[in-house]
Amino acid sequence: MATDYDAPRKTDEESREDSIEELKNRRNDKNSGKVDEDEAEAAESFELPGADLSHEELTVRVLPRQSDEFTCASCFLVKSRSQLAEERDGKAYCVDCV
């Protein structure tokens, strides 16, 4: 916040009055900002884990692993060859898992 050093300074008594008024205004503003919301309506919009999604249709196109990609043996994510850290016992590991 910028300070205007040329402005007249307030006394301690004036600054106390200002701060009391500001506190009163903030108290009133805080109460006026409350929104009454029906909890049942709010709960309907949330998706619970383990919900039945059998009627949903996949909208993402899934591609098979490309020739320049590998599957990490630790996190099982498909990563680019540039993410390859090491190969042990015929298994590839990414830089995040090593």
PDB file of N, CA and C in Angstrom:
ATOM      1  N   MET A   1       0.844  -1.174   0.000  1.00  0.00           N
ATOM      2  CA  MET A   1       0.000   0.000   0.000  1.00  0.00           C
ATOM      3  C   MET A   1       0.887   1.233   0.000  1.00  0.00           C
ATOM      4  N   ALA A   2       0.583   2.201  -0.839  1.00  0.00           N
ATOM      5  CA  ALA A   2       1.356   3.424  -0.938  1.00  0.00           C
ATOM      6  C   ALA A   2       1.012   4.365   0.210  1.00  0.00           C
ATOM      7  N   THR A   3       2.025   5.103   0.689  1.00  0.00           N
ATOM      8  CA  THR A   3       1.823   6.055   1.789  1.00  0.00           C
ATOM      9  C   THR A   3       2.099   7.450   1.280  1.00  0.00           C
ATOM     10  N   ASP A   4       1.186   8.345   1.564  1.00  0.00           N
ATOM     11  CA  ASP A   4       1.368   9.749   1.190  1.00  0.00           C
ATOM     12  C   ASP A   4       2.016  10.463   2.362  1.00  0.00           C
ATOM     13  N   TYR A   5       3.320  10.747   2.232  1.00  0.00           N
ATOM     14  CA  TYR A   5       4.048  11.364   3.332  1.00  0.00           C
ATOM     15  C   TYR A   5       3.746  12.848   3.473  1.00  0.00           C
ATOM     16  N   ASP A   6       3.120  13.467   2.477  1.00  0.00           N
ATOM     17  CA  ASP A   6       2.779  14.882   2.545  1.00  0.00           C
ATOM     18  C   ASP A   6       1.439  15.122   3.226  1.00  0.00           C
ATOM     19  N   ALA A   7       0.643  14.094   3.422  1.00  0.00           N
ATOM     20  CA  ALA A   7      -0.671  14.252   4.044  1.00  0.00           C
ATOM     21  C   ALA A   7      -0.502  14.540   5.533  1.00  0.00           C
ATOM     22  N   PRO A   8      -1.424  15.335   6.097  1.00  0.00           N
ATOM     23  CA  PRO A   8      -1.332  15.618   7.540  1.00  0.00           C
ATOM     24  C   PRO A   8      -1.529  14.331   8.346  1.00  0.00           C
ATOM     25  N   ARG A   9      -0.765  14.223   9.421  1.00  0.00           N
ATOM     26  CA  ARG A   9      -0.813  13.022  10.240  1.00  0.00           C
ATOM     27  C   ARG A   9      -1.949  13.101  11.229  1.00  0.00           C
ATOM     28  N   LYS A  10      -2.502  11.951  11.556  1.00  0.00           N
ATOM     29  CA  LYS A  10      -3.596  11.887  12.515  1.00  0.00           C
ATOM     30  C   LYS A  10      -3.025  11.667  13.913  1.00  0.00           C
ATOM     31  N   THR A  11      -3.720  12.166  14.879  1.00  0.00           N
ATOM     32  CA  THR A  11      -3.311  11.924  16.262  1.00  0.00           C
ATOM     33  C   THR A  11      -3.746  10.531  16.673  1.00  0.00           C
ATOM     34  N   ASP A  12      -3.244  10.074  17.822  1.00  0.00           N
ATOM     35  CA  ASP A  12      -3.605   8.739  18.304  1.00  0.00           C
ATOM     36  C   ASP A  12      -5.103   8.633  18.548  1.00  0.00           C
ATOM     37  N   GLU A  13      -5.702   9.700  19.043  1.00  0.00           N
ATOM     38  CA  GLU A  13      -7.134   9.676  19.333  1.00  0.00           C
ATOM     39  C   GLU A  13      -7.952   9.542  18.045  1.00  0.00           C
ATOM     40  N   GLU A  14      -7.555  10.269  16.997  1.00  0.00           N
ATOM     41  CA  GLU A  14      -8.266  10.174  15.723  1.00  0.00           C
ATOM     42  C   GLU A  14      -8.118   8.781  15.109  1.00  0.00           C
ATOM     43  N   SER A  15      -6.932   8.197  15.206  1.00  0.00           N
ATOM     44  CA  SER A  15      -6.738   6.870  14.621  1.00  0.00           C
ATOM     45  C   SER A  15      -7.535   5.818  15.385  1.00  0.00           C
ATOM     46  N   ARG A  16      -7.699   5.975  16.716  1.00  0.00           N
ATOM     47  CA  ARG A  16      -8.527   5.049  17.484  1.00  0.00           C
ATOM     48  C   ARG A  16      -9.981   5.148  17.053  1.00  0.00           C
ATOM     49  N   GLU A  17     -10.466   6.369  16.826  1.00  0.00           N
ATOM     50  CA  GLU A  17     -11.848   6.557  16.383  1.00  0.00           C
ATOM     51  C   GLU A  17     -12.058   5.888  15.029  1.00  0.00           C
ATOM     52  N   ASP A  18     -11.104   6.082  14.127  1.00  0.00           N
ATOM     53  CA  ASP A  18     -11.211   5.471  12.803  1.00  0.00           C
ATOM     54  C   ASP A  18     -11.248   3.949  12.904  1.00  0.00           C
ATOM     55  N   SER A  19     -10.393   3.400  13.720  1.00  0.00           N
ATOM     56  CA  SER A  19     -10.337   1.955  13.786  1.00  0.00           C
ATOM     57  C   SER A  19     -11.606   1.373  14.423  1.00  0.00           C
ATOM     58  N   ILE A  20     -12.191   2.060  15.392  1.00  0.00           N
ATOM     59  CA  ILE A  20     -13.440   1.583  15.992  1.00  0.00           C
ATOM     60  C   ILE A  20     -14.554   1.609  14.952  1.00  0.00           C
ATOM     61  N   GLU A  21     -14.626   2.683  14.201  1.00  0.00           N
ATOM     62  CA  GLU A  21     -15.646   2.774  13.151  1.00  0.00           C
ATOM     63  C   GLU A  21     -15.436   1.694  12.090  1.00  0.00           C
ATOM     64  N   GLU A  22     -14.186   1.479  11.731  1.00  0.00           N
ATOM     65  CA  GLU A  22     -13.909   0.446  10.739  1.00  0.00           C
ATOM     66  C   GLU A  22     -14.319  -0.932  11.248  1.00  0.00           C
ATOM     67  N   LEU A  23     -14.046  -1.187  12.530  1.00  0.00           N
ATOM     68  CA  LEU A  23     -14.430  -2.478  13.097  1.00  0.00           C
ATOM     69  C   LEU A  23     -15.944  -2.657  13.093  1.00  0.00           C
ATOM     70  N   LYS A  24     -16.673  -1.606  13.402  1.00  0.00           N
ATOM     71  CA  LYS A  24     -18.136  -1.688  13.378  1.00  0.00           C
ATOM     72  C   LYS A  24     -18.626  -1.985  11.960  1.00  0.00           C
ATOM     73  N   ASN A  25     -18.047  -1.307  10.997  1.00  0.00           N
ATOM     74  CA  ASN A  25     -18.445  -1.529   9.603  1.00  0.00           C
ATOM     75  C   ASN A  25     -18.124  -2.953   9.153  1.00  0.00           C
ATOM     76  N   ARG A  26     -16.969  -3.458   9.547  1.00  0.00           N
ATOM     77  CA  ARG A  26     -16.589  -4.815   9.162  1.00  0.00           C
ATOM     78  C   ARG A  26     -17.536  -5.841   9.780  1.00  0.00           C
ATOM     79  N   ARG A  27     -17.944  -5.589  11.024  1.00  0.00           N
ATOM     80  CA  ARG A  27     -18.854  -6.512  11.685  1.00  0.00           C
ATOM     81  C   ARG A  27     -20.168  -6.570  10.931  1.00  0.00           C
ATOM     82  N   ASN A  28     -20.676  -5.422  10.528  1.00  0.00           N
ATOM     83  CA  ASN A  28     -21.929  -5.381   9.779  1.00  0.00           C
ATOM     84  C   ASN A  28     -21.768  -6.017   8.400  1.00  0.00           C
ATOM     85  N   ASP A  29     -20.635  -5.790   7.753  1.00  0.00           N
ATOM     86  CA  ASP A  29     -20.396  -6.361   6.429  1.00  0.00           C
ATOM     87  C   ASP A  29     -20.291  -7.877   6.500  1.00  0.00           C
ATOM     88  N   LYS A  30     -19.666  -8.389   7.547  1.00  0.00           N
ATOM     89  CA  LYS A  30     -19.497  -9.832   7.670  1.00  0.00           C
ATOM     90  C   LYS A  30     -20.856 -10.518   7.791  1.00  0.00           C
ATOM     91  N   ASN A  31     -21.774  -9.942   8.542  1.00  0.00           N
ATOM     92  CA  ASN A  31     -23.092 -10.547   8.706  1.00  0.00           C
ATOM     93  C   ASN A  31     -23.923 -10.445   7.433  1.00  0.00           C
ATOM     94  N   SER A  32     -23.729  -9.376   6.675  1.00  0.00           N
ATOM     95  CA  SER A  32     -24.539  -9.201   5.472  1.00  0.00           C
ATOM     96  C   SER A  32     -24.082 -10.117   4.335  1.00  0.00           C
ATOM     97  N   GLY A  33     -22.849 -10.656   4.400  1.00  0.00           N
ATOM     98  CA  GLY A  33     -22.328 -11.493   3.337  1.00  0.00           C
ATOM     99  C   GLY A  33     -22.750 -12.943   3.436  1.00  0.00           C
ATOM    100  N   LYS A  34     -23.448 -13.311   4.499  1.00  0.00           N
ATOM    101  CA  LYS A  34     -23.840 -14.709   4.656  1.00  0.00           C
ATOM    102  C   LYS A  34     -24.933 -15.073   3.655  1.00  0.00           C
ATOM    103  N   VAL A  35     -24.822 -16.277   3.128  1.00  0.00           N
ATOM    104  CA  VAL A  35     -25.796 -16.753   2.154  1.00  0.00           C
ATOM    105  C   VAL A  35     -26.472 -17.981   2.739  1.00  0.00           C
ATOM    106  N   ASP A  36     -27.782 -17.964   2.751  1.00  0.00           N
ATOM    107  CA  ASP A  36     -28.510 -19.140   3.214  1.00  0.00           C
ATOM    108  C   ASP A  36     -28.556 -20.149   2.085  1.00  0.00           C
ATOM    109  N   GLU A  37     -28.050 -21.340   2.347  1.00  0.00           N
ATOM    110  CA  GLU A  37     -28.008 -22.366   1.311  1.00  0.00           C
ATOM    111  C   GLU A  37     -28.593 -23.657   1.882  1.00  0.00           C
ATOM    112  N   ASP A  38     -29.442 -24.258   1.122  1.00  0.00           N
ATOM    113  CA  ASP A  38     -30.045 -25.505   1.544  1.00  0.00           C
ATOM    114  C   ASP A  38     -28.984 -26.607   1.429  1.00  0.00           C
ATOM    115  N   GLU A  39     -28.708 -27.291   2.535  1.00  0.00           N
ATOM    116  CA  GLU A  39     -27.665 -28.307   2.541  1.00  0.00           C
ATOM    117  C   GLU A  39     -27.995 -29.467   1.612  1.00  0.00           C
ATOM    118  N   ALA A  40     -29.246 -29.808   1.487  1.00  0.00           N
ATOM    119  CA  ALA A  40     -29.627 -30.914   0.609  1.00  0.00           C
ATOM    120  C   ALA A  40     -29.332 -30.580  -0.849  1.00  0.00           C
ATOM    121  N   GLU A  41     -29.599 -29.350  -1.252  1.00  0.00           N
ATOM    122  CA  GLU A  41     -29.319 -28.948  -2.632  1.00  0.00           C
ATOM    123  C   GLU A  41     -27.823 -28.926  -2.891  1.00  0.00           C
ATOM    124  N   ALA A  42     -27.047 -28.471  -1.915  1.00  0.00           N
ATOM    125  CA  ALA A  42     -25.593 -28.428  -2.085  1.00  0.00           C
ATOM    126  C   ALA A  42     -25.025 -29.832  -2.173  1.00  0.00           C
ATOM    127  N   ALA A  43     -25.566 -30.772  -1.419  1.00  0.00           N
ATOM    128  CA  ALA A  43     -25.060 -32.144  -1.415  1.00  0.00           C
ATOM    129  C   ALA A  43     -25.350 -32.861  -2.726  1.00  0.00           C
ATOM    130  N   GLU A  44     -26.391 -32.474  -3.436  1.00  0.00           N
ATOM    131  CA  GLU A  44     -26.733 -33.137  -4.700  1.00  0.00           C
ATOM    132  C   GLU A  44     -25.677 -32.923  -5.767  1.00  0.00           C
ATOM    133  N   SER A  45     -24.947 -31.813  -5.703  1.00  0.00           N
ATOM    134  CA  SER A  45     -23.974 -31.503  -6.740  1.00  0.00           C
ATOM    135  C   SER A  45     -22.645 -32.219  -6.533  1.00  0.00           C
ATOM    136  N   PHE A  46     -22.430 -32.834  -5.369  1.00  0.00           N
ATOM    137  CA  PHE A  46     -21.173 -33.522  -5.102  1.00  0.00           C
ATOM    138  C   PHE A  46     -21.259 -34.986  -5.506  1.00  0.00           C
ATOM    139  N   GLU A  47     -20.185 -35.472  -6.116  1.00  0.00           N
ATOM    140  CA  GLU A  47     -20.102 -36.870  -6.525  1.00  0.00           C
ATOM    141  C   GLU A  47     -19.345 -37.637  -5.453  1.00  0.00           C
ATOM    142  N   LEU A  48     -19.951 -38.649  -4.902  1.00  0.00           N
ATOM    143  CA  LEU A  48     -19.326 -39.429  -3.845  1.00  0.00           C
ATOM    144  C   LEU A  48     -18.438 -40.503  -4.442  1.00  0.00           C
ATOM    145  N   PRO A  49     -17.313 -40.836  -3.766  1.00  0.00           N
ATOM    146  CA  PRO A  49     -16.458 -41.904  -4.268  1.00  0.00           C
ATOM    147  C   PRO A  49     -17.200 -43.232  -4.235  1.00  0.00           C
ATOM    148  N   GLY A  50     -16.973 -44.045  -5.222  1.00  0.00           N
ATOM    149  CA  GLY A  50     -17.633 -45.341  -5.296  1.00  0.00           C
ATOM    150  C   GLY A  50     -19.041 -45.263  -5.861  1.00  0.00           C
ATOM    151  N   ALA A  51     -19.407 -44.109  -6.410  1.00  0.00           N
ATOM    152  CA  ALA A  51     -20.749 -43.960  -6.976  1.00  0.00           C
ATOM    153  C   ALA A  51     -20.871 -44.805  -8.243  1.00  0.00           C
ATOM    154  N   ASP A  52     -22.082 -45.201  -8.572  1.00  0.00           N
ATOM    155  CA  ASP A  52     -22.335 -46.021  -9.750  1.00  0.00           C
ATOM    156  C   ASP A  52     -22.220 -45.148 -10.999  1.00  0.00           C
ATOM    157  N   LEU A  53     -21.204 -45.406 -11.790  1.00  0.00           N
ATOM    158  CA  LEU A  53     -20.978 -44.645 -13.020  1.00  0.00           C
ATOM    159  C   LEU A  53     -21.176 -45.515 -14.257  1.00  0.00           C
ATOM    160  N   SER A  54     -21.906 -46.613 -14.118  1.00  0.00           N
ATOM    161  CA  SER A  54     -22.072 -47.533 -15.240  1.00  0.00           C
ATOM    162  C   SER A  54     -22.861 -46.907 -16.381  1.00  0.00           C
ATOM    163  N   HIS A  55     -23.675 -45.912 -16.100  1.00  0.00           N
ATOM    164  CA  HIS A  55     -24.453 -45.274 -17.160  1.00  0.00           C
ATOM    165  C   HIS A  55     -23.679 -44.154 -17.859  1.00  0.00           C
ATOM    166  N   GLU A  56     -22.494 -43.807 -17.342  1.00  0.00           N
ATOM    167  CA  GLU A  56     -21.683 -42.745 -17.943  1.00  0.00           C
ATOM    168  C   GLU A  56     -20.931 -43.272 -19.160  1.00  0.00           C
ATOM    169  N   GLU A  57     -20.687 -42.387 -20.109  1.00  0.00           N
ATOM    170  CA  GLU A  57     -19.986 -42.762 -21.319  1.00  0.00           C
ATOM    171  C   GLU A  57     -18.634 -42.079 -21.342  1.00  0.00           C
ATOM    172  N   LEU A  58     -17.601 -42.813 -21.756  1.00  0.00           N
ATOM    173  CA  LEU A  58     -16.256 -42.276 -21.795  1.00  0.00           C
ATOM    174  C   LEU A  58     -16.155 -41.248 -22.922  1.00  0.00           C
ATOM    175  N   THR A  59     -15.697 -40.050 -22.598  1.00  0.00           N
ATOM    176  CA  THR A  59     -15.629 -38.990 -23.605  1.00  0.00           C
ATOM    177  C   THR A  59     -14.192 -38.666 -23.997  1.00  0.00           C
ATOM    178  N   VAL A  60     -13.229 -39.444 -23.499  1.00  0.00           N
ATOM    179  CA  VAL A  60     -11.825 -39.208 -23.809  1.00  0.00           C
ATOM    180  C   VAL A  60     -11.342 -40.297 -24.749  1.00  0.00           C
ATOM    181  N   ARG A  61     -10.612 -39.912 -25.756  1.00  0.00           N
ATOM    182  CA  ARG A  61     -10.088 -40.893 -26.694  1.00  0.00           C
ATOM    183  C   ARG A  61      -8.817 -41.506 -26.100  1.00  0.00           C
ATOM    184  N   VAL A  62      -8.778 -42.792 -25.915  1.00  0.00           N
ATOM    185  CA  VAL A  62      -7.651 -43.488 -25.305  1.00  0.00           C
ATOM    186  C   VAL A  62      -6.774 -44.054 -26.408  1.00  0.00           C
ATOM    187  N   LEU A  63      -5.487 -43.717 -26.341  1.00  0.00           N
ATOM    188  CA  LEU A  63      -4.525 -44.197 -27.323  1.00  0.00           C
ATOM    189  C   LEU A  63      -3.650 -45.267 -26.693  1.00  0.00           C
ATOM    190  N   PRO A  64      -3.219 -46.258 -27.459  1.00  0.00           N
ATOM    191  CA  PRO A  64      -2.275 -47.235 -26.910  1.00  0.00           C
ATOM    192  C   PRO A  64      -0.909 -46.589 -26.709  1.00  0.00           C
ATOM    193  N   ARG A  65      -0.077 -47.245 -25.918  1.00  0.00           N
ATOM    194  CA  ARG A  65       1.257 -46.724 -25.636  1.00  0.00           C
ATOM    195  C   ARG A  65       2.030 -46.588 -26.948  1.00  0.00           C
ATOM    196  N   GLN A  66       2.662 -45.462 -27.132  1.00  0.00           N
ATOM    197  CA  GLN A  66       3.412 -45.191 -28.362  1.00  0.00           C
ATOM    198  C   GLN A  66       4.819 -45.776 -28.245  1.00  0.00           C
ATOM    199  N   SER A  67       5.541 -45.786 -29.369  1.00  0.00           N
ATOM    200  CA  SER A  67       6.876 -46.377 -29.400  1.00  0.00           C
ATOM    201  C   SER A  67       7.887 -45.571 -28.582  1.00  0.00           C
ATOM    202  N   ASP A  68       7.639 -44.279 -28.393  1.00  0.00           N
ATOM    203  CA  ASP A  68       8.564 -43.445 -27.616  1.00  0.00           C
ATOM    204  C   ASP A  68       8.104 -43.297 -26.157  1.00  0.00           C
ATOM    205  N   GLU A  69       7.272 -44.220 -25.680  1.00  0.00           N
ATOM    206  CA  GLU A  69       6.766 -44.177 -24.313  1.00  0.00           C
ATOM    207  C   GLU A  69       7.046 -45.503 -23.607  1.00  0.00           C
ATOM    208  N   PHE A  70       6.992 -45.468 -22.277  1.00  0.00           N
ATOM    209  CA  PHE A  70       7.159 -46.673 -21.473  1.00  0.00           C
ATOM    210  C   PHE A  70       6.214 -46.591 -20.283  1.00  0.00           C
ATOM    211  N   THR A  71       5.952 -47.741 -19.677  1.00  0.00           N
ATOM    212  CA  THR A  71       5.118 -47.793 -18.480  1.00  0.00           C
ATOM    213  C   THR A  71       6.027 -48.012 -17.285  1.00  0.00           C
ATOM    214  N   CYS A  72       5.974 -47.123 -16.318  1.00  0.00           N
ATOM    215  CA  CYS A  72       6.796 -47.215 -15.120  1.00  0.00           C
ATOM    216  C   CYS A  72       6.351 -48.426 -14.302  1.00  0.00           C
ATOM    217  N   ALA A  73       7.313 -49.211 -13.827  1.00  0.00           N
ATOM    218  CA  ALA A  73       7.008 -50.412 -13.052  1.00  0.00           C
ATOM    219  C   ALA A  73       6.616 -50.079 -11.619  1.00  0.00           C
ATOM    220  N   SER A  74       6.795 -48.836 -11.192  1.00  0.00           N
ATOM    221  CA  SER A  74       6.449 -48.456  -9.824  1.00  0.00           C
ATOM    222  C   SER A  74       5.099 -47.750  -9.746  1.00  0.00           C
ATOM    223  N   CYS A  75       4.925 -46.687 -10.537  1.00  0.00           N
ATOM    224  CA  CYS A  75       3.669 -45.910 -10.478  1.00  0.00           C
ATOM    225  C   CYS A  75       2.678 -46.331 -11.560  1.00  0.00           C
ATOM    226  N   PHE A  76       3.114 -47.142 -12.522  1.00  0.00           N
ATOM    227  CA  PHE A  76       2.275 -47.671 -13.601  1.00  0.00           C
ATOM    228  C   PHE A  76       1.698 -46.587 -14.517  1.00  0.00           C
ATOM    229  N   LEU A  77       2.353 -45.449 -14.588  1.00  0.00           N
ATOM    230  CA  LEU A  77       1.949 -44.399 -15.511  1.00  0.00           C
ATOM    231  C   LEU A  77       2.738 -44.528 -16.808  1.00  0.00           C
ATOM    232  N   VAL A  78       2.101 -44.171 -17.897  1.00  0.00           N
ATOM    233  CA  VAL A  78       2.784 -44.167 -19.190  1.00  0.00           C
ATOM    234  C   VAL A  78       3.503 -42.830 -19.312  1.00  0.00           C
ATOM    235  N   LYS A  79       4.825 -42.925 -19.495  1.00  0.00           N
ATOM    236  CA  LYS A  79       5.660 -41.722 -19.545  1.00  0.00           C
ATOM    237  C   LYS A  79       6.459 -41.699 -20.841  1.00  0.00           C
ATOM    238  N   SER A  80       6.943 -40.523 -21.174  1.00  0.00           N
ATOM    239  CA  SER A  80       7.801 -40.355 -22.340  1.00  0.00           C
ATOM    240  C   SER A  80       9.179 -40.943 -22.033  1.00  0.00           C
ATOM    241  N   ARG A  81       9.895 -41.383 -23.072  1.00  0.00           N
ATOM    242  CA  ARG A  81      11.241 -41.943 -22.873  1.00  0.00           C
ATOM    243  C   ARG A  81      12.174 -40.928 -22.215  1.00  0.00           C
ATOM    244  N   SER A  82      11.910 -39.646 -22.343  1.00  0.00           N
ATOM    245  CA  SER A  82      12.744 -38.639 -21.691  1.00  0.00           C
ATOM    246  C   SER A  82      12.596 -38.686 -20.170  1.00  0.00           C
ATOM    247  N   GLN A  83      11.561 -39.333 -19.666  1.00  0.00           N
ATOM    248  CA  GLN A  83      11.335 -39.483 -18.229  1.00  0.00           C
ATOM    249  C   GLN A  83      11.957 -40.766 -17.674  1.00  0.00           C
ATOM    250  N   LEU A  84      12.565 -41.574 -18.534  1.00  0.00           N
ATOM    251  CA  LEU A  84      13.147 -42.845 -18.124  1.00  0.00           C
ATOM    252  C   LEU A  84      14.392 -42.594 -17.282  1.00  0.00           C
ATOM    253  N   ALA A  85      14.405 -43.139 -16.053  1.00  0.00           N
ATOM    254  CA  ALA A  85      15.555 -42.969 -15.171  1.00  0.00           C
ATOM    255  C   ALA A  85      16.472 -44.178 -15.247  1.00  0.00           C
ATOM    256  N   GLU A  86      15.902 -45.371 -15.117  1.00  0.00           N
ATOM    257  CA  GLU A  86      16.720 -46.583 -15.188  1.00  0.00           C
ATOM    258  C   GLU A  86      15.855 -47.794 -15.507  1.00  0.00           C
ATOM    259  N   GLU A  87      16.541 -48.838 -15.943  1.00  0.00           N
ATOM    260  CA  GLU A  87      15.871 -50.108 -16.204  1.00  0.00           C
ATOM    261  C   GLU A  87      16.571 -51.167 -15.367  1.00  0.00           C
ATOM    262  N   ARG A  88      15.796 -51.891 -14.557  1.00  0.00           N
ATOM    263  CA  ARG A  88      16.334 -52.962 -13.723  1.00  0.00           C
ATOM    264  C   ARG A  88      15.502 -54.217 -13.968  1.00  0.00           C
ATOM    265  N   ASP A  89      16.148 -55.304 -14.145  1.00  0.00           N
ATOM    266  CA  ASP A  89      15.472 -56.599 -14.315  1.00  0.00           C
ATOM    267  C   ASP A  89      14.393 -56.551 -15.387  1.00  0.00           C
ATOM    268  N   GLY A  90      14.650 -55.808 -16.470  1.00  0.00           N
ATOM    269  CA  GLY A  90      13.704 -55.715 -17.551  1.00  0.00           C
ATOM    270  C   GLY A  90      12.531 -54.786 -17.268  1.00  0.00           C
ATOM    271  N   LYS A  91      12.560 -54.070 -16.153  1.00  0.00           N
ATOM    272  CA  LYS A  91      11.494 -53.138 -15.796  1.00  0.00           C
ATOM    273  C   LYS A  91      12.003 -51.712 -15.860  1.00  0.00           C
ATOM    274  N   ALA A  92      11.187 -50.810 -16.388  1.00  0.00           N
ATOM    275  CA  ALA A  92      11.569 -49.407 -16.534  1.00  0.00           C
ATOM    276  C   ALA A  92      10.974 -48.586 -15.397  1.00  0.00           C
ATOM    277  N   TYR A  93      11.768 -47.635 -14.887  1.00  0.00           N
ATOM    278  CA  TYR A  93      11.343 -46.755 -13.809  1.00  0.00           C
ATOM    279  C   TYR A  93      11.510 -45.303 -14.218  1.00  0.00           C
ATOM    280  N   CYS A  94      10.537 -44.468 -13.874  1.00  0.00           N
ATOM    281  CA  CYS A  94      10.598 -43.053 -14.255  1.00  0.00           C
ATOM    282  C   CYS A  94      11.415 -42.267 -13.220  1.00  0.00           C
ATOM    283  N   VAL A  95      11.750 -41.032 -13.576  1.00  0.00           N
ATOM    284  CA  VAL A  95      12.569 -40.191 -12.700  1.00  0.00           C
ATOM    285  C   VAL A  95      11.825 -39.827 -11.412  1.00  0.00           C
ATOM    286  N   ASP A  96      10.521 -39.816 -11.429  1.00  0.00           N
ATOM    287  CA  ASP A  96       9.769 -39.488 -10.226  1.00  0.00           C
ATOM    288  C   ASP A  96       9.816 -40.608  -9.196  1.00  0.00           C
ATOM    289  N   CYS A  97       9.933 -41.846  -9.652  1.00  0.00           N
ATOM    290  CA  CYS A  97       9.899 -42.993  -8.743  1.00  0.00           C
ATOM    291  C   CYS A  97      11.280 -43.435  -8.275  1.00  0.00           C
ATOM    292  N   VAL A  98      12.333 -43.017  -8.960  1.00  0.00           N
ATOM    293  CA  VAL A  98      13.686 -43.477  -8.584  1.00  0.00           C
ATOM    294  C   VAL A  98      14.245 -42.654  -7.478  1.00  0.00           C
TER     295      VAL A  98
END
